[in-house]
Amino acid sequence: MHQQINRTLATIALVLSIVIIVAAIVGGISTYRHLSGLSDTLGDLGTDSSTVDPVVPELVEPGDPGYEPFCYVTELGEEICE
């Protein structure tokens, strides 16, 4: 009689421990997904989602119409044009 009661109690303890372990795993995965989504949301707060294309100036070679040389004055007072 005592052996049967002990086996029943052991079976109940085993089933309960399995249920608790599964619940802990599922709860951990759920918490991880929630915190990961929250982290992504917080990480995106400071970013600017608009895109701006840089303006690339048109290259004009010497001899082309509209070419203006770049001129500057050195510390010695010389004017140099490139």
Protein backbone atom coordinates (compact mmCIF):
# COMPACT_ATOMS: atom_id res chain seq x y z
CA MET A 1 0.00 0.00 0.00
CA HIS A 2 2.78 2.46 0.95
CA GLN A 3 4.71 1.63 -2.22
CA GLN A 4 1.73 2.42 -4.40
CA ILE A 5 1.21 5.77 -2.62
CA ASN A 6 4.92 6.57 -3.00
CA ARG A 7 4.83 5.75 -6.73
CA THR A 8 1.73 7.90 -7.20
CA LEU A 9 3.33 10.83 -5.38
CA ALA A 10 6.54 10.40 -7.38
CA THR A 11 4.56 10.38 -10.65
CA ILE A 12 2.67 13.52 -9.63
CA ALA A 13 5.94 15.25 -8.69
CA LEU A 14 7.51 14.25 -12.03
CA VAL A 15 4.56 15.54 -14.06
CA LEU A 16 4.46 18.80 -12.09
CA SER A 17 8.18 19.37 -12.55
CA ILE A 18 7.88 18.81 -16.32
CA VAL A 19 4.95 21.24 -16.50
CA ILE A 20 6.90 23.86 -14.52
CA ILE A 21 9.99 23.46 -16.74
CA VAL A 22 7.91 23.79 -19.93
CA ALA A 23 6.14 26.86 -18.53
CA ALA A 24 9.49 28.44 -17.63
CA ILE A 25 10.85 27.83 -21.14
CA VAL A 26 7.73 29.22 -22.84
CA GLY A 27 7.69 32.22 -20.49
CA GLY A 28 11.38 32.88 -21.14
CA ILE A 29 10.93 32.79 -24.91
CA SER A 30 7.91 35.08 -24.69
CA THR A 31 9.80 37.53 -22.47
CA TYR A 32 12.80 37.47 -24.83
CA ARG A 33 10.61 38.26 -27.86
CA HIS A 34 8.86 41.08 -26.02
CA LEU A 35 12.13 42.64 -24.81
CA SER A 36 13.72 42.23 -28.25
CA GLY A 37 10.82 44.08 -29.89
CA LEU A 38 11.00 46.78 -27.23
CA SER A 39 14.75 47.12 -27.79
CA ASP A 40 14.23 47.49 -31.55
CA THR A 41 11.57 50.14 -30.97
CA LEU A 42 13.77 52.11 -28.61
CA GLY A 43 16.75 51.77 -30.95
CA ASP A 44 14.77 53.28 -33.83
CA LEU A 45 13.74 56.39 -31.87
CA GLY A 46 16.83 58.44 -32.69
CA THR A 47 17.13 57.55 -36.35
CA ASP A 48 15.91 59.68 -39.22
CA SER A 49 14.03 57.54 -41.72
CA SER A 50 14.11 60.13 -44.52
CA THR A 51 16.78 59.75 -47.16
CA VAL A 52 18.54 62.67 -48.80
CA ASP A 53 20.43 62.18 -52.03
CA PRO A 54 23.70 64.12 -52.07
CA VAL A 55 24.09 66.79 -54.73
CA VAL A 56 27.04 65.99 -56.95
CA PRO A 57 28.41 69.06 -58.72
CA GLU A 58 28.93 68.83 -62.44
CA LEU A 59 32.61 68.53 -63.33
CA VAL A 60 33.78 71.21 -65.75
CA GLU A 61 37.17 70.75 -67.37
CA PRO A 62 39.48 73.57 -68.47
CA GLY A 63 38.48 74.64 -71.98
CA ASP A 64 34.79 73.83 -71.46
CA PRO A 65 32.33 76.72 -71.73
CA GLY A 66 31.53 77.98 -68.23
CA TYR A 67 34.91 76.97 -66.80
CA GLU A 68 36.11 79.40 -64.14
CA PRO A 69 39.53 78.89 -62.57
CA PHE A 70 39.85 78.68 -58.81
CA CYS A 71 42.04 81.54 -57.60
CA TYR A 72 43.49 82.20 -54.16
CA VAL A 73 46.10 84.43 -52.55
CA THR A 74 49.01 82.90 -50.64
CA GLU A 75 50.50 84.23 -47.40
CA LEU A 76 53.20 85.96 -49.47
CA GLY A 77 50.57 87.86 -51.47
CA GLU A 78 50.87 85.79 -54.67
CA GLU A 79 47.65 85.09 -56.58
CA ILE A 80 47.47 81.53 -57.83
CA CYS A 81 44.76 80.29 -60.20
CA GLU A 82 44.16 76.64 -60.90
